[in-house]
C-alpha atoms as a PDB file:
ATOM      1  CA  UNK A   1     -13.176   4.954  12.054  1.00  0.00           C
ATOM      2  CA  UNK A   2     -11.799   8.157  11.483  1.00  0.00           C
ATOM      3  CA  UNK A   3     -12.019   8.190   8.003  1.00  0.00           C
ATOM      4  CA  UNK A   4     -14.768   9.385   6.241  1.00  0.00           C
ATOM      5  CA  UNK A   5     -16.922   6.606   4.747  1.00  0.00           C
ATOM      6  CA  UNK A   6     -17.721   8.550   1.376  1.00  0.00           C
ATOM      7  CA  UNK A   7     -13.983   9.368   0.918  1.00  0.00           C
ATOM      8  CA  UNK A   8     -12.955   5.568   1.174  1.00  0.00           C
ATOM      9  CA  UNK A   9     -15.972   4.849  -1.004  1.00  0.00           C
ATOM     10  CA  UNK A  10     -14.740   6.975  -3.778  1.00  0.00           C
ATOM     11  CA  UNK A  11     -11.038   5.846  -3.464  1.00  0.00           C
ATOM     12  CA  UNK A  12     -11.545   2.316  -3.340  1.00  0.00           C
ATOM     13  CA  UNK A  13     -12.725   1.418  -6.686  1.00  0.00           C
ATOM     14  CA  UNK A  14      -9.241   3.435  -8.191  1.00  0.00           C
ATOM     15  CA  UNK A  15      -6.852   2.133  -5.710  1.00  0.00           C
ATOM     16  CA  UNK A  16      -8.222  -1.066  -5.502  1.00  0.00           C
ATOM     17  CA  UNK A  17      -6.595  -2.633  -9.021  1.00  0.00           C
ATOM     18  CA  UNK A  18      -3.517  -0.635  -8.302  1.00  0.00           C
ATOM     19  CA  UNK A  19      -2.869  -2.070  -4.941  1.00  0.00           C
ATOM     20  CA  UNK A  20      -3.529  -5.500  -6.588  1.00  0.00           C
ATOM     21  CA  UNK A  21      -1.403  -4.758  -9.353  1.00  0.00           C
ATOM     22  CA  UNK A  22       1.630  -3.540  -6.825  1.00  0.00           C
ATOM     23  CA  UNK A  23       1.261  -7.081  -4.506  1.00  0.00           C
ATOM     24  CA  UNK A  24       1.636  -8.939  -8.187  1.00  0.00           C
ATOM     25  CA  UNK A  25       4.409  -6.942  -9.621  1.00  0.00           C
ATOM     26  CA  UNK A  26       6.614  -7.492  -6.352  1.00  0.00           C
ATOM     27  CA  UNK A  27       5.700 -10.805  -6.502  1.00  0.00           C
ATOM     28  CA  UNK A  28       7.011 -11.508  -9.849  1.00  0.00           C
ATOM     29  CA  UNK A  29       9.486  -9.135 -10.573  1.00  0.00           C
ATOM     30  CA  UNK A  30      10.420  -7.718  -6.707  1.00  0.00           C
ATOM     31  CA  UNK A  31       9.655  -4.077  -8.134  1.00  0.00           C
ATOM     32  CA  UNK A  32       7.029  -2.015  -7.354  1.00  0.00           C
ATOM     33  CA  UNK A  33       6.819   0.375 -10.555  1.00  0.00           C
ATOM     34  CA  UNK A  34       6.756   3.802 -10.494  1.00  0.00           C
ATOM     35  CA  UNK A  35       3.774   4.173 -12.537  1.00  0.00           C
ATOM     36  CA  UNK A  36       1.898   2.097  -9.917  1.00  0.00           C
ATOM     37  CA  UNK A  37       3.227   4.671  -7.321  1.00  0.00           C
ATOM     38  CA  UNK A  38       2.269   7.985  -9.522  1.00  0.00           C
ATOM     39  CA  UNK A  39      -1.082   6.744 -10.531  1.00  0.00           C
ATOM     40  CA  UNK A  40      -1.895   6.136  -6.640  1.00  0.00           C
ATOM     41  CA  UNK A  41      -0.683   9.390  -6.071  1.00  0.00           C
ATOM     42  CA  UNK A  42      -2.823  11.028  -9.007  1.00  0.00           C
ATOM     43  CA  UNK A  43      -5.771   9.451  -7.728  1.00  0.00           C
ATOM     44  CA  UNK A  44      -5.807  11.104  -4.264  1.00  0.00           C
ATOM     45  CA  UNK A  45      -4.512  14.342  -6.197  1.00  0.00           C
ATOM     46  CA  UNK A  46      -7.373  14.684  -8.469  1.00  0.00           C
ATOM     47  CA  UNK A  47     -10.265  12.840  -6.018  1.00  0.00           C
ATOM     48  CA  UNK A  48      -9.417  14.368  -2.989  1.00  0.00           C
ATOM     49  CA  UNK A  49      -9.177  17.704  -4.041  1.00  0.00           C
ATOM     50  CA  UNK A  50     -13.141  17.598  -4.694  1.00  0.00           C
ATOM     51  CA  UNK A  51     -13.894  15.486  -1.649  1.00  0.00           C
ATOM     52  CA  UNK A  52     -11.991  16.776   1.278  1.00  0.00           C
ATOM     53  CA  UNK A  53     -11.988  20.196   2.603  1.00  0.00           C
ATOM     54  CA  UNK A  54      -8.775  22.392   1.288  1.00  0.00           C
ATOM     55  CA  UNK A  55      -7.019  22.144   4.476  1.00  0.00           C
ATOM     56  CA  UNK A  56      -7.592  18.427   5.088  1.00  0.00           C
ATOM     57  CA  UNK A  57      -6.240  18.099   1.634  1.00  0.00           C
ATOM     58  CA  UNK A  58      -2.633  20.058   2.309  1.00  0.00           C
ATOM     59  CA  UNK A  59      -2.277  18.265   5.439  1.00  0.00           C
ATOM     60  CA  UNK A  60      -2.751  14.845   3.969  1.00  0.00           C
ATOM     61  CA  UNK A  61      -0.261  15.757   1.149  1.00  0.00           C
ATOM     62  CA  UNK A  62       2.150  16.757   3.863  1.00  0.00           C
ATOM     63  CA  UNK A  63       1.497  13.572   4.912  1.00  0.00           C
ATOM     64  CA  UNK A  64       2.621  11.661   1.756  1.00  0.00           C
ATOM     65  CA  UNK A  65       6.010  14.538   2.137  1.00  0.00           C
ATOM     66  CA  UNK A  66       7.001  13.459   5.881  1.00  0.00           C
ATOM     67  CA  UNK A  67       6.247   9.933   4.649  1.00  0.00           C
ATOM     68  CA  UNK A  68       8.477   9.944   1.362  1.00  0.00           C
ATOM     69  CA  UNK A  69      11.474  11.782   3.316  1.00  0.00           C
ATOM     70  CA  UNK A  70      11.416   8.894   6.158  1.00  0.00           C
ATOM     71  CA  UNK A  71      11.117   6.529   3.726  1.00  0.00           C
ATOM     72  CA  UNK A  72      13.819   7.940   1.709  1.00  0.00           C
ATOM     73  CA  UNK A  73      16.052   7.669   5.009  1.00  0.00           C
ATOM     74  CA  UNK A  74      15.187   3.837   5.529  1.00  0.00           C
ATOM     75  CA  UNK A  75      16.283   2.846   1.935  1.00  0.00           C
ATOM     76  CA  UNK A  76      19.008   4.275   2.029  1.00  0.00           C
ATOM     77  CA  UNK A  77      20.189   2.567   5.521  1.00  0.00           C
ATOM     78  CA  UNK A  78      18.810  -0.488   4.285  1.00  0.00           C
ATOM     79  CA  UNK A  79      15.972  -1.018   6.106  1.00  0.00           C
ATOM     80  CA  UNK A  80      13.524  -0.929   3.267  1.00  0.00           C
ATOM     81  CA  UNK A  81      13.247  -1.106  -0.703  1.00  0.00           C
ATOM     82  CA  UNK A  82      12.670   2.050  -2.328  1.00  0.00           C
ATOM     83  CA  UNK A  83       9.483   0.954  -4.142  1.00  0.00           C
ATOM     84  CA  UNK A  84       7.862  -0.143  -0.980  1.00  0.00           C
ATOM     85  CA  UNK A  85       9.343   3.705   0.628  1.00  0.00           C
ATOM     86  CA  UNK A  86       7.536   5.576  -2.250  1.00  0.00           C
ATOM     87  CA  UNK A  87       4.122   3.229  -2.570  1.00  0.00           C
ATOM     88  CA  UNK A  88       4.330   3.933   1.162  1.00  0.00           C
ATOM     89  CA  UNK A  89       4.433   7.856   0.578  1.00  0.00           C
ATOM     90  CA  UNK A  90       1.928   7.870  -2.270  1.00  0.00           C
ATOM     91  CA  UNK A  91      -0.557   5.453   0.251  1.00  0.00           C
ATOM     92  CA  UNK A  92      -0.427   7.920   3.411  1.00  0.00           C
ATOM     93  CA  UNK A  93      -2.804  10.625   1.973  1.00  0.00           C
ATOM     94  CA  UNK A  94      -5.595   7.853   1.986  1.00  0.00           C
ATOM     95  CA  UNK A  95      -4.781   7.244   5.238  1.00  0.00           C
ATOM     96  CA  UNK A  96      -6.599   9.446   8.318  1.00  0.00           C
ATOM     97  CA  UNK A  97      -4.365   9.892  11.550  1.00  0.00           C
ATOM     98  CA  UNK A  98      -7.082   8.935  13.861  1.00  0.00           C
ATOM     99  CA  UNK A  99      -6.778   5.841  12.235  1.00  0.00           C
ATOM    100  CA  UNK A 100      -3.298   5.053  12.432  1.00  0.00           C
ATOM    101  CA  UNK A 101      -3.084   2.548  14.931  1.00  0.00           C
ATOM    102  CA  UNK A 102      -5.438   0.758  13.285  1.00  0.00           C
ATOM    103  CA  UNK A 103      -3.374   0.534   9.787  1.00  0.00           C
ATOM    104  CA  UNK A 104      -0.682  -0.541  11.871  1.00  0.00           C
ATOM    105  CA  UNK A 105      -2.262  -3.674  13.122  1.00  0.00           C
ATOM    106  CA  UNK A 106      -3.982  -3.776   9.755  1.00  0.00           C
ATOM    107  CA  UNK A 107      -0.202  -4.123   7.843  1.00  0.00           C
ATOM    108  CA  UNK A 108       0.935  -6.224  10.761  1.00  0.00           C
ATOM    109  CA  UNK A 109      -1.370  -8.944  10.103  1.00  0.00           C
ATOM    110  CA  UNK A 110      -1.601  -8.364   6.161  1.00  0.00           C
ATOM    111  CA  UNK A 111       2.280  -8.690   6.639  1.00  0.00           C
ATOM    112  CA  UNK A 112       1.989 -11.739   8.552  1.00  0.00           C
ATOM    113  CA  UNK A 113      -0.623 -13.461   6.120  1.00  0.00           C
ATOM    114  CA  UNK A 114       1.321 -12.497   3.153  1.00  0.00           C
ATOM    115  CA  UNK A 115       4.732 -13.841   4.648  1.00  0.00           C
ATOM    116  CA  UNK A 116       2.817 -17.435   5.749  1.00  0.00           C
ATOM    117  CA  UNK A 117       0.862 -17.402   2.117  1.00  0.00           C
ATOM    118  CA  UNK A 118       4.051 -17.071   0.184  1.00  0.00           C
ATOM    119  CA  UNK A 119       6.615 -18.571   1.673  1.00  0.00           C
ATOM    120  CA  UNK A 120       3.957 -21.525   2.271  1.00  0.00           C
ATOM    121  CA  UNK A 121       3.215 -21.441  -1.111  1.00  0.00           C
ATOM    122  CA  UNK A 122       7.224 -21.090  -2.336  1.00  0.00           C
ATOM    123  CA  UNK A 123       7.991 -25.145  -1.315  1.00  0.00           C
ATOM    124  CA  UNK A 124       4.443 -26.644  -2.165  1.00  0.00           C
ATOM    125  CA  UNK A 125       2.772 -27.381  -5.899  1.00  0.00           C
ATOM    126  CA  UNK A 126       1.474 -23.658  -6.205  1.00  0.00           C
ATOM    127  CA  UNK A 127       4.799 -22.523  -7.022  1.00  0.00           C
ATOM    128  CA  UNK A 128       4.531 -24.221 -10.501  1.00  0.00           C
ATOM    129  CA  UNK A 129       1.430 -21.697 -11.201  1.00  0.00           C
ATOM    130  CA  UNK A 130       4.272 -18.705 -11.529  1.00  0.00           C
ATOM    131  CA  UNK A 131       7.505 -20.762 -12.229  1.00  0.00           C
ATOM    132  CA  UNK A 132       9.394 -17.460 -13.359  1.00  0.00           C
ATOM    133  CA  UNK A 133       8.228 -15.283 -10.250  1.00  0.00           C
ATOM    134  CA  UNK A 134      11.817 -13.556  -9.130  1.00  0.00           C
ATOM    135  CA  UNK A 135      10.357 -13.177  -5.212  1.00  0.00           C
ATOM    136  CA  UNK A 136      10.644 -17.236  -5.159  1.00  0.00           C
ATOM    137  CA  UNK A 137      14.609 -17.498  -5.372  1.00  0.00           C
ATOM    138  CA  UNK A 138      15.087 -14.102  -3.160  1.00  0.00           C
ATOM    139  CA  UNK A 139      15.701 -13.838   0.516  1.00  0.00           C
ATOM    140  CA  UNK A 140      14.250 -10.636   0.564  1.00  0.00           C
ATOM    141  CA  UNK A 141      10.227 -10.497   0.859  1.00  0.00           C
ATOM    142  CA  UNK A 142       8.089  -8.378  -1.490  1.00  0.00           C
ATOM    143  CA  UNK A 143       6.879  -6.509   0.809  1.00  0.00           C
ATOM    144  CA  UNK A 144       3.983  -4.892  -1.750  1.00  0.00           C
ATOM    145  CA  UNK A 145       2.185  -8.459  -1.162  1.00  0.00           C
ATOM    146  CA  UNK A 146       1.137  -6.885   2.084  1.00  0.00           C
ATOM    147  CA  UNK A 147       1.757  -2.802   1.196  1.00  0.00           C
ATOM    148  CA  UNK A 148      -1.408  -3.221  -1.215  1.00  0.00           C
ATOM    149  CA  UNK A 149      -3.814  -5.101   0.508  1.00  0.00           C
ATOM    150  CA  UNK A 150      -3.079  -3.506   3.311  1.00  0.00           C
ATOM    151  CA  UNK A 151      -4.305  -0.370   1.728  1.00  0.00           C
ATOM    152  CA  UNK A 152      -7.085  -1.840   0.222  1.00  0.00           C
ATOM    153  CA  UNK A 153      -8.510  -3.758   2.863  1.00  0.00           C
ATOM    154  CA  UNK A 154      -8.431   0.047   4.800  1.00  0.00           C
ATOM    155  CA  UNK A 155     -10.205   1.588   2.657  1.00  0.00           C
ATOM    156  CA  UNK A 156     -12.529  -1.375   2.272  1.00  0.00           C
ATOM    157  CA  UNK A 157     -12.993  -1.371   5.976  1.00  0.00           C
ATOM    158  CA  UNK A 158     -13.477   2.676   5.742  1.00  0.00           C
ATOM    159  CA  UNK A 159     -16.351   2.034   3.252  1.00  0.00           C
ATOM    160  CA  UNK A 160     -18.283  -0.203   5.453  1.00  0.00           C
ATOM    161  CA  UNK A 161     -17.088   1.125   9.072  1.00  0.00           C
ATOM    162  CA  UNK A 162     -16.144   5.001   8.220  1.00  0.00           C
ATOM    163  CA  UNK A 163     -17.398   8.057  10.318  1.00  0.00           C
END
């Protein structure tokens, strides 16, 4: 993996609870809150500046801006939700450019697993554990259920197998 294992190790304990919160709130409310997105970006801003060479840090921040612009365009076209676009932008600085293909495969697997689990639970007695979740009755899928875990698993793998 291209991500530095030390970077992933420092980010993981702060990012993991945010990712879990995003998955939960997206299932419960079909919203990825602005507070969680801002917090995710702040974690990178505060910790990243101490971990990375300054030029690498600036390139990672440029990734945030690029993904945000692309996400706003996709949101405007109706291809993705605004919260999903903001979360993807806030998550972008954590991803090493050399790991982009790995991340896309990881996201595809997380999306497939999340869709099967969510849609499967929707038609079982498990639904009764959280009967008021908005996502049960919507046709749209809560992408935070895949986005959050994909970032968390990426950082976990980076901690274990990073360079």
